[in-house]
PDB file of N, CA and C in Angstrom:
ATOM      1  N   UNK A   1     113.587  77.861 103.613  1.00  0.00           N
ATOM      2  CA  UNK A   1     114.283  78.744 102.698  1.00  0.00           C
ATOM      3  C   UNK A   1     115.466  79.403 103.398  1.00  0.00           C
ATOM      4  N   UNK A   2     116.434  79.687 102.620  1.00  0.00           N
ATOM      5  CA  UNK A   2     117.624  80.316 103.184  1.00  0.00           C
ATOM      6  C   UNK A   2     117.423  81.830 103.306  1.00  0.00           C
ATOM      7  N   UNK A   3     118.316  82.431 104.028  1.00  0.00           N
ATOM      8  CA  UNK A   3     118.260  83.880 104.215  1.00  0.00           C
ATOM      9  C   UNK A   3     118.481  84.602 102.887  1.00  0.00           C
ATOM     10  N   UNK A   4     119.280  84.010 102.035  1.00  0.00           N
ATOM     11  CA  UNK A   4     119.543  84.624 100.729  1.00  0.00           C
ATOM     12  C   UNK A   4     118.268  84.644  99.878  1.00  0.00           C
ATOM     13  N   UNK A   5     117.476  83.591  99.929  1.00  0.00           N
ATOM     14  CA  UNK A   5     116.223  83.540  99.172  1.00  0.00           C
ATOM     15  C   UNK A   5     115.243  84.594  99.691  1.00  0.00           C
ATOM     16  N   UNK A   6     115.176  84.748 101.012  1.00  0.00           N
ATOM     17  CA  UNK A   6     114.299  85.769 101.586  1.00  0.00           C
ATOM     18  C   UNK A   6     114.743  87.172 101.174  1.00  0.00           C
ATOM     19  N   UNK A   7     116.045  87.395 101.136  1.00  0.00           N
ATOM     20  CA  UNK A   7     116.572  88.690 100.734  1.00  0.00           C
ATOM     21  C   UNK A   7     116.226  88.979  99.275  1.00  0.00           C
ATOM     22  N   UNK A   8     116.382  87.982  98.414  1.00  0.00           N
ATOM     23  CA  UNK A   8     116.033  88.163  97.000  1.00  0.00           C
ATOM     24  C   UNK A   8     114.544  88.428  96.833  1.00  0.00           C
ATOM     25  N   UNK A   9     113.709  87.712  97.587  1.00  0.00           N
ATOM     26  CA  UNK A   9     112.270  87.922  97.523  1.00  0.00           C
ATOM     27  C   UNK A   9     111.902  89.321  98.003  1.00  0.00           C
ATOM     28  N   UNK A  10     112.524  89.785  99.063  1.00  0.00           N
ATOM     29  CA  UNK A  10     112.250  91.118  99.588  1.00  0.00           C
ATOM     30  C   UNK A  10     112.672  92.194  98.590  1.00  0.00           C
ATOM     31  N   UNK A  11     113.829  92.012  97.950  1.00  0.00           N
ATOM     32  CA  UNK A  11     114.289  92.981  96.951  1.00  0.00           C
ATOM     33  C   UNK A  11     113.345  93.008  95.756  1.00  0.00           C
ATOM     34  N   UNK A  12     112.884  91.846  95.316  1.00  0.00           N
ATOM     35  CA  UNK A  12     111.951  91.779  94.197  1.00  0.00           C
ATOM     36  C   UNK A  12     110.627  92.441  94.558  1.00  0.00           C
ATOM     37  N   UNK A  13     110.152  92.236  95.776  1.00  0.00           N
ATOM     38  CA  UNK A  13     108.905  92.851  96.226  1.00  0.00           C
ATOM     39  C   UNK A  13     109.035  94.373  96.260  1.00  0.00           C
ATOM     40  N   UNK A  14     110.170  94.878  96.682  1.00  0.00           N
ATOM     41  CA  UNK A  14     110.390  96.335  96.703  1.00  0.00           C
ATOM     42  C   UNK A  14     110.422  96.903  95.298  1.00  0.00           C
ATOM     43  N   UNK A  15     111.058  96.211  94.385  1.00  0.00           N
ATOM     44  CA  UNK A  15     111.133  96.687  93.007  1.00  0.00           C
ATOM     45  C   UNK A  15     109.762  96.677  92.341  1.00  0.00           C
ATOM     46  N   UNK A  16     108.988  95.633  92.549  1.00  0.00           N
ATOM     47  CA  UNK A  16     107.672  95.560  91.940  1.00  0.00           C
ATOM     48  C   UNK A  16     106.679  96.505  92.605  1.00  0.00           C
ATOM     49  N   UNK A  17     106.884  96.800  93.853  1.00  0.00           N
ATOM     50  CA  UNK A  17     106.004  97.732  94.556  1.00  0.00           C
ATOM     51  C   UNK A  17     106.125  99.150  94.038  1.00  0.00           C
ATOM     52  N   UNK A  18     107.270  99.498  93.481  1.00  0.00           N
ATOM     53  CA  UNK A  18     107.475 100.832  92.943  1.00  0.00           C
ATOM     54  C   UNK A  18     106.984 100.991  91.517  1.00  0.00           C
ATOM     55  N   UNK A  19     106.604  99.893  90.886  1.00  0.00           N
ATOM     56  CA  UNK A  19     106.120  99.964  89.506  1.00  0.00           C
ATOM     57  C   UNK A  19     104.680 100.443  89.497  1.00  0.00           C
ATOM     58  N   UNK A  20     104.347 101.224  88.515  1.00  0.00           N
ATOM     59  CA  UNK A  20     102.980 101.729  88.391  1.00  0.00           C
ATOM     60  C   UNK A  20     102.977 102.960  87.516  1.00  0.00           C
ATOM     61  N   UNK A  21     101.820 103.513  87.335  1.00  0.00           N
ATOM     62  CA  UNK A  21     101.701 104.722  86.535  1.00  0.00           C
ATOM     63  C   UNK A  21     102.387 105.884  87.242  1.00  0.00           C
ATOM     64  N   UNK A  22     103.103 106.659  86.479  1.00  0.00           N
ATOM     65  CA  UNK A  22     103.826 107.778  87.072  1.00  0.00           C
ATOM     66  C   UNK A  22     102.909 108.956  87.352  1.00  0.00           C
ATOM     67  N   UNK A  23     101.776 109.051  86.669  1.00  0.00           N
ATOM     68  CA  UNK A  23     100.912 110.215  86.832  1.00  0.00           C
ATOM     69  C   UNK A  23      99.586 109.830  87.485  1.00  0.00           C
ATOM     70  N   UNK A  24      99.648 109.034  88.547  1.00  0.00           N
ATOM     71  CA  UNK A  24      98.450 108.685  89.287  1.00  0.00           C
ATOM     72  C   UNK A  24      98.028 109.804  90.233  1.00  0.00           C
ATOM     73  N   UNK A  25      98.817 110.832  90.373  1.00  0.00           N
ATOM     74  CA  UNK A  25      98.512 111.895  91.301  1.00  0.00           C
ATOM     75  C   UNK A  25      98.257 113.185  90.537  1.00  0.00           C
ATOM     76  N   UNK A  26      97.811 114.178  91.247  1.00  0.00           N
ATOM     77  CA  UNK A  26      97.455 115.450  90.638  1.00  0.00           C
ATOM     78  C   UNK A  26      98.309 116.551  91.254  1.00  0.00           C
ATOM     79  N   UNK A  27      98.813 117.413  90.419  1.00  0.00           N
ATOM     80  CA  UNK A  27      99.586 118.552  90.910  1.00  0.00           C
ATOM     81  C   UNK A  27      98.634 119.685  91.281  1.00  0.00           C
ATOM     82  N   UNK A  28      99.049 120.490  92.246  1.00  0.00           N
ATOM     83  CA  UNK A  28      98.290 121.676  92.623  1.00  0.00           C
ATOM     84  C   UNK A  28      99.268 122.840  92.703  1.00  0.00           C
ATOM     85  N   UNK A  29      98.968 123.890  91.949  1.00  0.00           N
ATOM     86  CA  UNK A  29      99.809 125.077  91.930  1.00  0.00           C
ATOM     87  C   UNK A  29      98.985 126.238  92.466  1.00  0.00           C
ATOM     88  N   UNK A  30      99.481 126.884  93.501  1.00  0.00           N
ATOM     89  CA  UNK A  30      98.808 128.052  94.072  1.00  0.00           C
ATOM     90  C   UNK A  30      99.452 129.310  93.510  1.00  0.00           C
ATOM     91  N   UNK A  31      98.617 130.185  92.970  1.00  0.00           N
ATOM     92  CA  UNK A  31      99.078 131.470  92.438  1.00  0.00           C
ATOM     93  C   UNK A  31      98.384 132.561  93.236  1.00  0.00           C
ATOM     94  N   UNK A  32      99.178 133.419  93.846  1.00  0.00           N
ATOM     95  CA  UNK A  32      98.627 134.504  94.657  1.00  0.00           C
ATOM     96  C   UNK A  32      99.116 135.821  94.054  1.00  0.00           C
ATOM     97  N   UNK A  33      98.287 136.447  93.222  1.00  0.00           N
ATOM     98  CA  UNK A  33      98.688 137.715  92.603  1.00  0.00           C
ATOM     99  C   UNK A  33      98.531 138.886  93.575  1.00  0.00           C
ATOM    100  N   UNK A  34      99.076 140.019  93.204  1.00  0.00           N
ATOM    101  CA  UNK A  34      98.941 141.220  94.031  1.00  0.00           C
ATOM    102  C   UNK A  34      97.544 141.815  93.923  1.00  0.00           C
ATOM    103  N   UNK A  35      96.835 141.484  92.863  1.00  0.00           N
ATOM    104  CA  UNK A  35      95.470 141.972  92.671  1.00  0.00           C
ATOM    105  C   UNK A  35      94.754 141.096  91.670  1.00  0.00           C
ATOM    106  N   UNK A  36      93.426 141.091  91.736  1.00  0.00           N
ATOM    107  CA  UNK A  36      92.659 140.230  90.841  1.00  0.00           C
ATOM    108  C   UNK A  36      92.062 140.982  89.654  1.00  0.00           C
ATOM    109  N   UNK A  37      91.973 142.306  89.748  1.00  0.00           N
ATOM    110  CA  UNK A  37      91.257 143.047  88.718  1.00  0.00           C
ATOM    111  C   UNK A  37      92.162 143.657  87.648  1.00  0.00           C
ATOM    112  N   UNK A  38      93.424 143.791  87.891  1.00  0.00           N
ATOM    113  CA  UNK A  38      94.331 144.407  86.920  1.00  0.00           C
ATOM    114  C   UNK A  38      94.566 143.466  85.741  1.00  0.00           C
ATOM    115  N   UNK A  39      94.660 144.032  84.558  1.00  0.00           N
ATOM    116  CA  UNK A  39      94.801 143.244  83.326  1.00  0.00           C
ATOM    117  C   UNK A  39      96.064 142.376  83.331  1.00  0.00           C
ATOM    118  N   UNK A  40      97.145 142.869  83.924  1.00  0.00           N
ATOM    119  CA  UNK A  40      98.382 142.087  83.981  1.00  0.00           C
ATOM    120  C   UNK A  40      98.171 140.781  84.730  1.00  0.00           C
ATOM    121  N   UNK A  41      97.524 140.857  85.896  1.00  0.00           N
ATOM    122  CA  UNK A  41      97.325 139.653  86.699  1.00  0.00           C
ATOM    123  C   UNK A  41      96.298 138.727  86.072  1.00  0.00           C
ATOM    124  N   UNK A  42      95.348 139.298  85.339  1.00  0.00           N
ATOM    125  CA  UNK A  42      94.400 138.453  84.612  1.00  0.00           C
ATOM    126  C   UNK A  42      95.100 137.686  83.500  1.00  0.00           C
ATOM    127  N   UNK A  43      96.104 138.294  82.867  1.00  0.00           N
ATOM    128  CA  UNK A  43      96.870 137.578  81.837  1.00  0.00           C
ATOM    129  C   UNK A  43      97.720 136.470  82.463  1.00  0.00           C
ATOM    130  N   UNK A  44      98.217 136.705  83.674  1.00  0.00           N
ATOM    131  CA  UNK A  44      98.953 135.655  84.387  1.00  0.00           C
ATOM    132  C   UNK A  44      98.025 134.477  84.683  1.00  0.00           C
ATOM    133  N   UNK A  45      96.796 134.777  85.067  1.00  0.00           N
ATOM    134  CA  UNK A  45      95.811 133.729  85.339  1.00  0.00           C
ATOM    135  C   UNK A  45      95.516 132.917  84.074  1.00  0.00           C
ATOM    136  N   UNK A  46      95.303 133.593  82.961  1.00  0.00           N
ATOM    137  CA  UNK A  46      95.060 132.887  81.696  1.00  0.00           C
ATOM    138  C   UNK A  46      96.256 132.033  81.304  1.00  0.00           C
ATOM    139  N   UNK A  47      97.455 132.530  81.528  1.00  0.00           N
ATOM    140  CA  UNK A  47      98.659 131.763  81.215  1.00  0.00           C
ATOM    141  C   UNK A  47      98.801 130.523  82.080  1.00  0.00           C
ATOM    142  N   UNK A  48      98.469 130.642  83.355  1.00  0.00           N
ATOM    143  CA  UNK A  48      98.535 129.486  84.249  1.00  0.00           C
ATOM    144  C   UNK A  48      97.517 128.427  83.843  1.00  0.00           C
ATOM    145  N   UNK A  49      96.302 128.864  83.496  1.00  0.00           N
ATOM    146  CA  UNK A  49      95.279 127.913  83.048  1.00  0.00           C
ATOM    147  C   UNK A  49      95.677 127.237  81.740  1.00  0.00           C
ATOM    148  N   UNK A  50      96.272 128.008  80.855  1.00  0.00           N
ATOM    149  CA  UNK A  50      96.693 127.435  79.573  1.00  0.00           C
ATOM    150  C   UNK A  50      97.839 126.430  79.767  1.00  0.00           C
ATOM    151  N   UNK A  51      98.762 126.744  80.650  1.00  0.00           N
ATOM    152  CA  UNK A  51      99.858 125.814  80.930  1.00  0.00           C
ATOM    153  C   UNK A  51      99.326 124.515  81.528  1.00  0.00           C
ATOM    154  N   UNK A  52      98.330 124.613  82.400  1.00  0.00           N
ATOM    155  CA  UNK A  52      97.725 123.413  82.976  1.00  0.00           C
ATOM    156  C   UNK A  52      97.035 122.587  81.897  1.00  0.00           C
ATOM    157  N   UNK A  53      96.335 123.263  80.985  1.00  0.00           N
ATOM    158  CA  UNK A  53      95.656 122.554  79.898  1.00  0.00           C
ATOM    159  C   UNK A  53      96.666 121.912  78.949  1.00  0.00           C
ATOM    160  N   UNK A  54      97.776 122.590  78.690  1.00  0.00           N
ATOM    161  CA  UNK A  54      98.812 122.029  77.825  1.00  0.00           C
ATOM    162  C   UNK A  54      99.450 120.785  78.444  1.00  0.00           C
ATOM    163  N   UNK A  55      99.715 120.828  79.736  1.00  0.00           N
ATOM    164  CA  UNK A  55     100.282 119.658  80.410  1.00  0.00           C
ATOM    165  C   UNK A  55      99.321 118.479  80.355  1.00  0.00           C
ATOM    166  N   UNK A  56      98.035 118.757  80.520  1.00  0.00           N
ATOM    167  CA  UNK A  56      97.037 117.689  80.475  1.00  0.00           C
ATOM    168  C   UNK A  56      96.957 117.096  79.064  1.00  0.00           C
ATOM    169  N   UNK A  57      97.000 117.949  78.040  1.00  0.00           N
ATOM    170  CA  UNK A  57      96.863 117.476  76.663  1.00  0.00           C
ATOM    171  C   UNK A  57      98.116 116.748  76.184  1.00  0.00           C
ATOM    172  N   UNK A  58      99.290 117.246  76.506  1.00  0.00           N
ATOM    173  CA  UNK A  58     100.526 116.695  75.961  1.00  0.00           C
ATOM    174  C   UNK A  58     101.064 115.526  76.772  1.00  0.00           C
ATOM    175  N   UNK A  59     101.023 115.620  78.076  1.00  0.00           N
ATOM    176  CA  UNK A  59     101.659 114.616  78.921  1.00  0.00           C
ATOM    177  C   UNK A  59     100.676 113.825  79.772  1.00  0.00           C
ATOM    178  N   UNK A  60      99.419 114.257  79.808  1.00  0.00           N
ATOM    179  CA  UNK A  60      98.438 113.569  80.628  1.00  0.00           C
ATOM    180  C   UNK A  60      98.562 113.860  82.107  1.00  0.00           C
ATOM    181  N   UNK A  61      99.225 114.965  82.449  1.00  0.00           N
ATOM    182  CA  UNK A  61      99.432 115.338  83.848  1.00  0.00           C
ATOM    183  C   UNK A  61      98.342 116.317  84.254  1.00  0.00           C
ATOM    184  N   UNK A  62      97.575 115.960  85.269  1.00  0.00           N
ATOM    185  CA  UNK A  62      96.503 116.827  85.753  1.00  0.00           C
ATOM    186  C   UNK A  62      97.072 117.855  86.725  1.00  0.00           C
ATOM    187  N   UNK A  63      96.703 119.120  86.512  1.00  0.00           N
ATOM    188  CA  UNK A  63      97.183 120.214  87.358  1.00  0.00           C
ATOM    189  C   UNK A  63      95.992 121.069  87.768  1.00  0.00           C
ATOM    190  N   UNK A  64      95.861 121.321  89.069  1.00  0.00           N
ATOM    191  CA  UNK A  64      94.864 122.262  89.585  1.00  0.00           C
ATOM    192  C   UNK A  64      95.554 123.596  89.816  1.00  0.00           C
ATOM    193  N   UNK A  65      94.931 124.671  89.361  1.00  0.00           N
ATOM    194  CA  UNK A  65      95.445 126.011  89.606  1.00  0.00           C
ATOM    195  C   UNK A  65      94.563 126.656  90.659  1.00  0.00           C
ATOM    196  N   UNK A  66      95.131 126.934  91.837  1.00  0.00           N
ATOM    197  CA  UNK A  66      94.418 127.663  92.883  1.00  0.00           C
ATOM    198  C   UNK A  66      94.768 129.136  92.740  1.00  0.00           C
ATOM    199  N   UNK A  67      93.769 129.957  92.424  1.00  0.00           N
ATOM    200  CA  UNK A  67      93.978 131.368  92.142  1.00  0.00           C
ATOM    201  C   UNK A  67      93.227 132.186  93.172  1.00  0.00           C
ATOM    202  N   UNK A  68      93.938 132.947  93.986  1.00  0.00           N
ATOM    203  CA  UNK A  68      93.276 133.774  94.985  1.00  0.00           C
ATOM    204  C   UNK A  68      94.193 134.928  95.340  1.00  0.00           C
ATOM    205  N   UNK A  69      93.586 136.067  95.593  1.00  0.00           N
ATOM    206  CA  UNK A  69      94.359 137.231  95.953  1.00  0.00           C
ATOM    207  C   UNK A  69      93.430 138.331  96.437  1.00  0.00           C
ATOM    208  N   UNK A  70      93.988 139.478  96.770  1.00  0.00           N
ATOM    209  CA  UNK A  70      93.166 140.593  97.252  1.00  0.00           C
ATOM    210  C   UNK A  70      92.378 141.238  96.111  1.00  0.00           C
ATOM    211  N   UNK A  71      91.210 141.730  96.434  1.00  0.00           N
ATOM    212  CA  UNK A  71      90.413 142.429  95.429  1.00  0.00           C
ATOM    213  C   UNK A  71      90.977 143.793  95.172  1.00  0.00           C
TER     214      UNK A  71
END
């Protein structure tokens, strides 16, 4: 085979190697509030969980919400 054929084969292999599902991975979002017991930060937590659920329902994107902060 000529060098040109090898180059075309290599380019085709690179293009096909990049094909696949776009959402095979999982997102992780860390939220660190100033406090865990105040109602404001609890509403932020509910909003983050709801946004993750909406992304999963609408787009099929899995998101983990890591929630931790001072007591």
